[in-house]
């Protein structure tokens, strides 16, 4: 079963981390979205091996700029569909 775990800490200031688990090797895309549904950062994109993966996000967009305080979503896109959870960034 594909699983996306809760971020810790959440809310976060400087950095947060979360985990996901894959039962088989598959192509995934892990991204951060704002409340408008716009993708602000791509954390991973491509073929990923089986197992549990730990990801850290430092609150920066794809250009390396700090994103503002607010609500964000981390989205794990898989061949079986998306899994989405909330993140709160407090600057």
PDB file of N, CA and C in Angstrom:
ATOM      1  N   UNK A   1       0.834  -1.187   0.000  1.00  0.00           N
ATOM      2  CA  UNK A   1       0.000   0.000   0.000  1.00  0.00           C
ATOM      3  C   UNK A   1       0.880   1.252   0.000  1.00  0.00           C
ATOM      4  N   UNK A   2       0.542   2.205  -0.827  1.00  0.00           N
ATOM      5  CA  UNK A   2       1.243   3.487  -0.856  1.00  0.00           C
ATOM      6  C   UNK A   2       0.748   4.319   0.318  1.00  0.00           C
ATOM      7  N   UNK A   3       1.695   4.890   1.073  1.00  0.00           N
ATOM      8  CA  UNK A   3       1.306   5.687   2.233  1.00  0.00           C
ATOM      9  C   UNK A   3       2.069   7.003   2.243  1.00  0.00           C
ATOM     10  N   UNK A   4       1.379   8.062   2.683  1.00  0.00           N
ATOM     11  CA  UNK A   4       1.975   9.378   2.887  1.00  0.00           C
ATOM     12  C   UNK A   4       1.734   9.740   4.346  1.00  0.00           C
ATOM     13  N   UNK A   5       2.807   9.971   5.082  1.00  0.00           N
ATOM     14  CA  UNK A   5       2.709  10.199   6.520  1.00  0.00           C
ATOM     15  C   UNK A   5       2.678  11.685   6.850  1.00  0.00           C
ATOM     16  N   UNK A   6       2.247  12.000   8.075  1.00  0.00           N
ATOM     17  CA  UNK A   6       2.151  13.382   8.526  1.00  0.00           C
ATOM     18  C   UNK A   6       3.525  14.033   8.637  1.00  0.00           C
ATOM     19  N   UNK A   7       3.554  15.322   8.349  1.00  0.00           N
ATOM     20  CA  UNK A   7       4.784  16.114   8.463  1.00  0.00           C
ATOM     21  C   UNK A   7       5.090  16.365   9.938  1.00  0.00           C
ATOM     22  N   UNK A   8       6.381  16.480  10.246  1.00  0.00           N
ATOM     23  CA  UNK A   8       6.811  16.809  11.595  1.00  0.00           C
ATOM     24  C   UNK A   8       8.048  17.689  11.533  1.00  0.00           C
ATOM     25  N   UNK A   9       8.096  18.823  12.188  1.00  0.00           N
ATOM     26  CA  UNK A   9       6.957  19.408  12.903  1.00  0.00           C
ATOM     27  C   UNK A   9       5.967  20.054  11.932  1.00  0.00           C
ATOM     28  N   UNK A  10       4.768  20.228  12.393  1.00  0.00           N
ATOM     29  CA  UNK A  10       3.709  20.883  11.631  1.00  0.00           C
ATOM     30  C   UNK A  10       2.742  21.509  12.621  1.00  0.00           C
ATOM     31  N   UNK A  11       2.685  22.841  12.712  1.00  0.00           N
ATOM     32  CA  UNK A  11       3.324  23.847  11.876  1.00  0.00           C
ATOM     33  C   UNK A  11       4.843  23.851  12.034  1.00  0.00           C
ATOM     34  N   UNK A  12       5.514  24.434  11.026  1.00  0.00           N
ATOM     35  CA  UNK A  12       6.974  24.488  11.070  1.00  0.00           C
ATOM     36  C   UNK A  12       7.465  25.890  10.733  1.00  0.00           C
ATOM     37  N   UNK A  13       8.732  26.143  11.062  1.00  0.00           N
ATOM     38  CA  UNK A  13       9.336  27.432  10.778  1.00  0.00           C
ATOM     39  C   UNK A  13      10.462  27.245   9.769  1.00  0.00           C
ATOM     40  N   UNK A  14      11.565  26.675  10.186  1.00  0.00           N
ATOM     41  CA  UNK A  14      12.734  26.571   9.308  1.00  0.00           C
ATOM     42  C   UNK A  14      12.693  25.349   8.395  1.00  0.00           C
ATOM     43  N   UNK A  15      12.235  24.219   8.917  1.00  0.00           N
ATOM     44  CA  UNK A  15      12.287  22.977   8.149  1.00  0.00           C
ATOM     45  C   UNK A  15      11.268  21.985   8.700  1.00  0.00           C
ATOM     46  N   UNK A  16      10.725  21.180   7.838  1.00  0.00           N
ATOM     47  CA  UNK A  16       9.838  20.089   8.236  1.00  0.00           C
ATOM     48  C   UNK A  16      10.265  18.835   7.493  1.00  0.00           C
ATOM     49  N   UNK A  17       9.779  17.697   7.949  1.00  0.00           N
ATOM     50  CA  UNK A  17      10.055  16.461   7.226  1.00  0.00           C
ATOM     51  C   UNK A  17       8.810  15.590   7.220  1.00  0.00           C
ATOM     52  N   UNK A  18       8.715  14.766   6.205  1.00  0.00           N
ATOM     53  CA  UNK A  18       7.626  13.801   6.116  1.00  0.00           C
ATOM     54  C   UNK A  18       8.139  12.575   5.398  1.00  0.00           C
ATOM     55  N   UNK A  19       7.366  11.514   5.502  1.00  0.00           N
ATOM     56  CA  UNK A  19       7.765  10.243   4.904  1.00  0.00           C
ATOM     57  C   UNK A  19       6.662   9.721   4.002  1.00  0.00           C
ATOM     58  N   UNK A  20       7.085   8.928   3.036  1.00  0.00           N
ATOM     59  CA  UNK A  20       6.129   8.168   2.244  1.00  0.00           C
ATOM     60  C   UNK A  20       6.686   6.771   2.045  1.00  0.00           C
ATOM     61  N   UNK A  21       5.790   5.840   1.788  1.00  0.00           N
ATOM     62  CA  UNK A  21       6.163   4.438   1.649  1.00  0.00           C
ATOM     63  C   UNK A  21       5.603   3.900   0.333  1.00  0.00           C
ATOM     64  N   UNK A  22       6.468   3.188  -0.398  1.00  0.00           N
ATOM     65  CA  UNK A  22       6.060   2.578  -1.661  1.00  0.00           C
ATOM     66  C   UNK A  22       6.213   1.058  -1.574  1.00  0.00           C
ATOM     67  N   UNK A  23       5.182   0.294  -1.974  1.00  0.00           N
ATOM     68  CA  UNK A  23       5.262  -1.166  -1.916  1.00  0.00           C
ATOM     69  C   UNK A  23       6.075  -1.771  -3.061  1.00  0.00           C
ATOM     70  N   UNK A  24       6.207  -1.017  -4.150  1.00  0.00           N
ATOM     71  CA  UNK A  24       6.984  -1.440  -5.318  1.00  0.00           C
ATOM     72  C   UNK A  24       7.664  -0.213  -5.910  1.00  0.00           C
ATOM     73  N   UNK A  25       8.682  -0.428  -6.735  1.00  0.00           N
ATOM     74  CA  UNK A  25       9.303   0.686  -7.449  1.00  0.00           C
ATOM     75  C   UNK A  25       8.278   1.309  -8.389  1.00  0.00           C
ATOM     76  N   UNK A  26       8.205   2.626  -8.405  1.00  0.00           N
ATOM     77  CA  UNK A  26       7.255   3.297  -9.289  1.00  0.00           C
ATOM     78  C   UNK A  26       7.683   4.736  -9.556  1.00  0.00           C
ATOM     79  N   UNK A  27       7.072   5.313 -10.564  1.00  0.00           N
ATOM     80  CA  UNK A  27       7.311   6.719 -10.878  1.00  0.00           C
ATOM     81  C   UNK A  27       6.412   7.568  -9.996  1.00  0.00           C
ATOM     82  N   UNK A  28       7.020   8.531  -9.313  1.00  0.00           N
ATOM     83  CA  UNK A  28       6.263   9.422  -8.432  1.00  0.00           C
ATOM     84  C   UNK A  28       6.658  10.867  -8.719  1.00  0.00           C
ATOM     85  N   UNK A  29       5.838  11.772  -8.233  1.00  0.00           N
ATOM     86  CA  UNK A  29       6.157  13.203  -8.225  1.00  0.00           C
ATOM     87  C   UNK A  29       5.684  13.719  -6.872  1.00  0.00           C
ATOM     88  N   UNK A  30       6.598  14.260  -6.112  1.00  0.00           N
ATOM     89  CA  UNK A  30       6.289  14.805  -4.800  1.00  0.00           C
ATOM     90  C   UNK A  30       6.475  16.307  -4.878  1.00  0.00           C
ATOM     91  N   UNK A  31       5.391  17.047  -4.655  1.00  0.00           N
ATOM     92  CA  UNK A  31       5.462  18.497  -4.815  1.00  0.00           C
ATOM     93  C   UNK A  31       4.757  19.213  -3.675  1.00  0.00           C
ATOM     94  N   UNK A  32       5.078  20.499  -3.562  1.00  0.00           N
ATOM     95  CA  UNK A  32       4.449  21.380  -2.596  1.00  0.00           C
ATOM     96  C   UNK A  32       3.537  22.316  -3.379  1.00  0.00           C
ATOM     97  N   UNK A  33       2.287  22.459  -2.919  1.00  0.00           N
ATOM     98  CA  UNK A  33       1.300  23.301  -3.591  1.00  0.00           C
ATOM     99  C   UNK A  33       0.810  24.376  -2.629  1.00  0.00           C
ATOM    100  N   UNK A  34       0.451  25.532  -3.184  1.00  0.00           N
ATOM    101  CA  UNK A  34      -0.171  26.559  -2.356  1.00  0.00           C
ATOM    102  C   UNK A  34      -1.685  26.361  -2.355  1.00  0.00           C
ATOM    103  N   UNK A  35      -2.406  27.232  -1.663  1.00  0.00           N
ATOM    104  CA  UNK A  35      -3.859  27.061  -1.535  1.00  0.00           C
ATOM    105  C   UNK A  35      -4.601  27.330  -2.846  1.00  0.00           C
ATOM    106  N   UNK A  36      -3.924  27.914  -3.826  1.00  0.00           N
ATOM    107  CA  UNK A  36      -4.530  28.126  -5.139  1.00  0.00           C
ATOM    108  C   UNK A  36      -4.317  26.929  -6.062  1.00  0.00           C
ATOM    109  N   UNK A  37      -3.611  25.911  -5.545  1.00  0.00           N
ATOM    110  CA  UNK A  37      -3.334  24.728  -6.350  1.00  0.00           C
ATOM    111  C   UNK A  37      -2.121  24.872  -7.242  1.00  0.00           C
ATOM    112  N   UNK A  38      -1.342  25.940  -7.043  1.00  0.00           N
ATOM    113  CA  UNK A  38      -0.135  26.166  -7.839  1.00  0.00           C
ATOM    114  C   UNK A  38       1.035  25.424  -7.203  1.00  0.00           C
ATOM    115  N   UNK A  39       1.811  24.774  -8.038  1.00  0.00           N
ATOM    116  CA  UNK A  39       2.985  24.036  -7.570  1.00  0.00           C
ATOM    117  C   UNK A  39       4.106  25.030  -7.272  1.00  0.00           C
ATOM    118  N   UNK A  40       4.561  25.064  -6.017  1.00  0.00           N
ATOM    119  CA  UNK A  40       5.631  26.007  -5.652  1.00  0.00           C
ATOM    120  C   UNK A  40       6.998  25.332  -5.607  1.00  0.00           C
ATOM    121  N   UNK A  41       7.029  24.020  -5.377  1.00  0.00           N
ATOM    122  CA  UNK A  41       8.304  23.297  -5.328  1.00  0.00           C
ATOM    123  C   UNK A  41       8.080  21.844  -5.709  1.00  0.00           C
ATOM    124  N   UNK A  42       9.077  21.265  -6.364  1.00  0.00           N
ATOM    125  CA  UNK A  42       9.069  19.833  -6.663  1.00  0.00           C
ATOM    126  C   UNK A  42      10.204  19.216  -5.862  1.00  0.00           C
ATOM    127  N   UNK A  43       9.864  18.285  -4.986  1.00  0.00           N
ATOM    128  CA  UNK A  43      10.839  17.666  -4.097  1.00  0.00           C
ATOM    129  C   UNK A  43      11.480  16.445  -4.770  1.00  0.00           C
ATOM    130  N   UNK A  44      10.663  15.616  -5.367  1.00  0.00           N
ATOM    131  CA  UNK A  44      11.149  14.429  -6.079  1.00  0.00           C
ATOM    132  C   UNK A  44      10.295  14.218  -7.312  1.00  0.00           C
ATOM    133  N   UNK A  45      10.919  13.703  -8.373  1.00  0.00           N
ATOM    134  CA  UNK A  45      10.198  13.461  -9.610  1.00  0.00           C
ATOM    135  C   UNK A  45      10.942  12.374 -10.381  1.00  0.00           C
ATOM    136  N   UNK A  46      10.339  11.208 -10.473  1.00  0.00           N
ATOM    137  CA  UNK A  46      10.980  10.138 -11.225  1.00  0.00           C
ATOM    138  C   UNK A  46      10.728   8.776 -10.621  1.00  0.00           C
ATOM    139  N   UNK A  47      11.454   7.791 -11.119  1.00  0.00           N
ATOM    140  CA  UNK A  47      11.339   6.422 -10.645  1.00  0.00           C
ATOM    141  C   UNK A  47      11.977   6.332  -9.254  1.00  0.00           C
ATOM    142  N   UNK A  48      11.227   5.784  -8.305  1.00  0.00           N
ATOM    143  CA  UNK A  48      11.660   5.724  -6.912  1.00  0.00           C
ATOM    144  C   UNK A  48      11.576   4.279  -6.424  1.00  0.00           C
ATOM    145  N   UNK A  49      12.604   3.810  -5.722  1.00  0.00           N
ATOM    146  CA  UNK A  49      12.606   2.407  -5.275  1.00  0.00           C
ATOM    147  C   UNK A  49      11.595   2.118  -4.172  1.00  0.00           C
ATOM    148  N   UNK A  50      11.333   0.838  -3.990  1.00  0.00           N
ATOM    149  CA  UNK A  50      10.456   0.367  -2.922  1.00  0.00           C
ATOM    150  C   UNK A  50      11.021   0.806  -1.569  1.00  0.00           C
ATOM    151  N   UNK A  51      10.128   1.025  -0.592  1.00  0.00           N
ATOM    152  CA  UNK A  51      10.578   1.331   0.763  1.00  0.00           C
ATOM    153  C   UNK A  51      10.013   2.627   1.309  1.00  0.00           C
ATOM    154  N   UNK A  52      10.512   2.989   2.489  1.00  0.00           N
ATOM    155  CA  UNK A  52      10.111   4.212   3.168  1.00  0.00           C
ATOM    156  C   UNK A  52      11.141   5.294   2.861  1.00  0.00           C
ATOM    157  N   UNK A  53      10.675   6.459   2.460  1.00  0.00           N
ATOM    158  CA  UNK A  53      11.539   7.574   2.080  1.00  0.00           C
ATOM    159  C   UNK A  53      11.243   8.772   2.966  1.00  0.00           C
ATOM    160  N   UNK A  54      12.283   9.394   3.511  1.00  0.00           N
ATOM    161  CA  UNK A  54      12.140  10.579   4.360  1.00  0.00           C
ATOM    162  C   UNK A  54      12.574  11.802   3.563  1.00  0.00           C
ATOM    163  N   UNK A  55      11.722  12.815   3.564  1.00  0.00           N
ATOM    164  CA  UNK A  55      11.942  14.029   2.788  1.00  0.00           C
ATOM    165  C   UNK A  55      11.961  15.222   3.725  1.00  0.00           C
ATOM    166  N   UNK A  56      12.874  16.144   3.481  1.00  0.00           N
ATOM    167  CA  UNK A  56      12.895  17.406   4.219  1.00  0.00           C
ATOM    168  C   UNK A  56      12.563  18.539   3.262  1.00  0.00           C
ATOM    169  N   UNK A  57      11.819  19.532   3.788  1.00  0.00           N
ATOM    170  CA  UNK A  57      11.533  20.729   3.003  1.00  0.00           C
ATOM    171  C   UNK A  57      11.833  21.947   3.856  1.00  0.00           C
ATOM    172  N   UNK A  58      12.584  22.878   3.291  1.00  0.00           N
ATOM    173  CA  UNK A  58      13.037  24.050   4.037  1.00  0.00           C
ATOM    174  C   UNK A  58      12.208  25.302   3.764  1.00  0.00           C
ATOM    175  N   UNK A  59      11.028  25.150   3.181  1.00  0.00           N
ATOM    176  CA  UNK A  59      10.156  26.297   2.962  1.00  0.00           C
ATOM    177  C   UNK A  59      10.576  27.182   1.808  1.00  0.00           C
ATOM    178  N   UNK A  60      11.297  26.605   0.840  1.00  0.00           N
ATOM    179  CA  UNK A  60      11.730  27.385  -0.322  1.00  0.00           C
ATOM    180  C   UNK A  60      11.041  26.879  -1.589  1.00  0.00           C
ATOM    181  N   UNK A  61      10.843  27.794  -2.521  1.00  0.00           N
ATOM    182  CA  UNK A  61      10.227  27.422  -3.786  1.00  0.00           C
ATOM    183  C   UNK A  61      11.266  26.849  -4.739  1.00  0.00           C
ATOM    184  N   UNK A  62      10.859  26.558  -5.953  1.00  0.00           N
ATOM    185  CA  UNK A  62      11.770  25.914  -6.918  1.00  0.00           C
ATOM    186  C   UNK A  62      12.927  26.806  -7.331  1.00  0.00           C
ATOM    187  N   UNK A  63      12.815  28.112  -7.085  1.00  0.00           N
ATOM    188  CA  UNK A  63      13.907  29.044  -7.402  1.00  0.00           C
ATOM    189  C   UNK A  63      14.797  29.330  -6.197  1.00  0.00           C
ATOM    190  N   UNK A  64      14.472  28.709  -5.053  1.00  0.00           N
ATOM    191  CA  UNK A  64      15.280  28.905  -3.857  1.00  0.00           C
ATOM    192  C   UNK A  64      14.837  30.054  -2.981  1.00  0.00           C
ATOM    193  N   UNK A  65      13.713  30.682  -3.312  1.00  0.00           N
ATOM    194  CA  UNK A  65      13.198  31.788  -2.510  1.00  0.00           C
ATOM    195  C   UNK A  65      12.308  31.259  -1.386  1.00  0.00           C
ATOM    196  N   UNK A  66      12.389  31.899  -0.224  1.00  0.00           N
ATOM    197  CA  UNK A  66      11.540  31.522   0.905  1.00  0.00           C
ATOM    198  C   UNK A  66      10.084  31.835   0.566  1.00  0.00           C
ATOM    199  N   UNK A  67       9.202  30.867   0.771  1.00  0.00           N
ATOM    200  CA  UNK A  67       7.775  31.104   0.530  1.00  0.00           C
ATOM    201  C   UNK A  67       7.175  31.770   1.765  1.00  0.00           C
ATOM    202  N   UNK A  68       6.079  32.516   1.606  1.00  0.00           N
ATOM    203  CA  UNK A  68       5.504  33.223   2.753  1.00  0.00           C
ATOM    204  C   UNK A  68       4.777  32.301   3.730  1.00  0.00           C
ATOM    205  N   UNK A  69       4.546  32.827   4.919  1.00  0.00           N
ATOM    206  CA  UNK A  69       3.737  32.138   5.918  1.00  0.00           C
ATOM    207  C   UNK A  69       2.407  31.744   5.298  1.00  0.00           C
ATOM    208  N   UNK A  70       1.928  30.559   5.643  1.00  0.00           N
ATOM    209  CA  UNK A  70       0.626  30.160   5.145  1.00  0.00           C
ATOM    210  C   UNK A  70       0.431  28.660   5.121  1.00  0.00           C
ATOM    211  N   UNK A  71      -0.679  28.267   4.548  1.00  0.00           N
ATOM    212  CA  UNK A  71      -1.055  26.869   4.423  1.00  0.00           C
ATOM    213  C   UNK A  71      -0.557  26.342   3.083  1.00  0.00           C
ATOM    214  N   UNK A  72       0.054  25.164   3.117  1.00  0.00           N
ATOM    215  CA  UNK A  72       0.540  24.495   1.917  1.00  0.00           C
ATOM    216  C   UNK A  72       0.095  23.044   1.943  1.00  0.00           C
ATOM    217  N   UNK A  73       0.212  22.394   0.819  1.00  0.00           N
ATOM    218  CA  UNK A  73      -0.118  20.979   0.715  1.00  0.00           C
ATOM    219  C   UNK A  73       1.073  20.254   0.110  1.00  0.00           C
ATOM    220  N   UNK A  74       1.375  19.076   0.623  1.00  0.00           N
ATOM    221  CA  UNK A  74       2.367  18.239  -0.038  1.00  0.00           C
ATOM    222  C   UNK A  74       1.617  17.094  -0.695  1.00  0.00           C
ATOM    223  N   UNK A  75       1.944  16.890  -1.959  1.00  0.00           N
ATOM    224  CA  UNK A  75       1.175  15.988  -2.810  1.00  0.00           C
ATOM    225  C   UNK A  75       2.096  14.917  -3.394  1.00  0.00           C
ATOM    226  N   UNK A  76       1.762  13.674  -3.163  1.00  0.00           N
ATOM    227  CA  UNK A  76       2.484  12.543  -3.723  1.00  0.00           C
ATOM    228  C   UNK A  76       1.648  11.987  -4.880  1.00  0.00           C
ATOM    229  N   UNK A  77       2.092  12.250  -6.103  1.00  0.00           N
ATOM    230  CA  UNK A  77       1.406  11.746  -7.296  1.00  0.00           C
ATOM    231  C   UNK A  77       1.994  10.380  -7.629  1.00  0.00           C
ATOM    232  N   UNK A  78       1.138   9.384  -7.767  1.00  0.00           N
ATOM    233  CA  UNK A  78       1.556   8.024  -8.111  1.00  0.00           C
ATOM    234  C   UNK A  78       0.671   7.510  -9.250  1.00  0.00           C
ATOM    235  N   UNK A  79       1.019   6.389  -9.839  1.00  0.00           N
ATOM    236  CA  UNK A  79       0.149   5.807 -10.867  1.00  0.00           C
ATOM    237  C   UNK A  79      -1.255   5.478 -10.327  1.00  0.00           C
ATOM    238  N   UNK A  80      -1.375   5.318  -8.996  1.00  0.00           N
ATOM    239  CA  UNK A  80      -2.670   5.003  -8.382  1.00  0.00           C
ATOM    240  C   UNK A  80      -3.474   6.250  -8.041  1.00  0.00           C
ATOM    241  N   UNK A  81      -2.906   7.455  -8.297  1.00  0.00           N
ATOM    242  CA  UNK A  81      -3.589   8.699  -7.969  1.00  0.00           C
ATOM    243  C   UNK A  81      -2.808   9.479  -6.926  1.00  0.00           C
ATOM    244  N   UNK A  82      -3.293  10.674  -6.576  1.00  0.00           N
ATOM    245  CA  UNK A  82      -2.574  11.523  -5.629  1.00  0.00           C
ATOM    246  C   UNK A  82      -2.937  11.248  -4.171  1.00  0.00           C
ATOM    247  N   UNK A  83      -1.955  11.476  -3.301  1.00  0.00           N
ATOM    248  CA  UNK A  83      -2.178  11.523  -1.849  1.00  0.00           C
ATOM    249  C   UNK A  83      -1.747  12.915  -1.413  1.00  0.00           C
ATOM    250  N   UNK A  84      -2.575  13.584  -0.607  1.00  0.00           N
ATOM    251  CA  UNK A  84      -2.318  14.977  -0.249  1.00  0.00           C
ATOM    252  C   UNK A  84      -2.483  15.172   1.252  1.00  0.00           C
ATOM    253  N   UNK A  85      -1.568  15.958   1.846  1.00  0.00           N
ATOM    254  CA  UNK A  85      -1.652  16.338   3.259  1.00  0.00           C
ATOM    255  C   UNK A  85      -1.317  17.820   3.393  1.00  0.00           C
ATOM    256  N   UNK A  86      -1.736  18.408   4.530  1.00  0.00           N
ATOM    257  CA  UNK A  86      -1.534  19.832   4.784  1.00  0.00           C
ATOM    258  C   UNK A  86      -0.265  20.113   5.566  1.00  0.00           C
ATOM    259  N   UNK A  87       0.291  21.297   5.302  1.00  0.00           N
ATOM    260  CA  UNK A  87       1.452  21.841   6.026  1.00  0.00           C
ATOM    261  C   UNK A  87       1.155  23.290   6.362  1.00  0.00           C
ATOM    262  N   UNK A  88       1.591  23.749   7.526  1.00  0.00           N
ATOM    263  CA  UNK A  88       1.481  25.153   7.875  1.00  0.00           C
ATOM    264  C   UNK A  88       2.866  25.700   8.132  1.00  0.00           C
ATOM    265  N   UNK A  89       3.221  26.755   7.403  1.00  0.00           N
ATOM    266  CA  UNK A  89       4.509  27.410   7.558  1.00  0.00           C
ATOM    267  C   UNK A  89       4.315  28.708   8.337  1.00  0.00           C
ATOM    268  N   UNK A  90       5.056  28.868   9.430  1.00  0.00           N
ATOM    269  CA  UNK A  90       5.009  30.079  10.237  1.00  0.00           C
ATOM    270  C   UNK A  90       6.375  30.724  10.201  1.00  0.00           C
ATOM    271  N   UNK A  91       6.477  31.899   9.630  1.00  0.00           N
ATOM    272  CA  UNK A  91       7.770  32.610   9.563  1.00  0.00           C
ATOM    273  C   UNK A  91       7.910  33.541  10.741  1.00  0.00           C
TER     274      UNK A  91
END
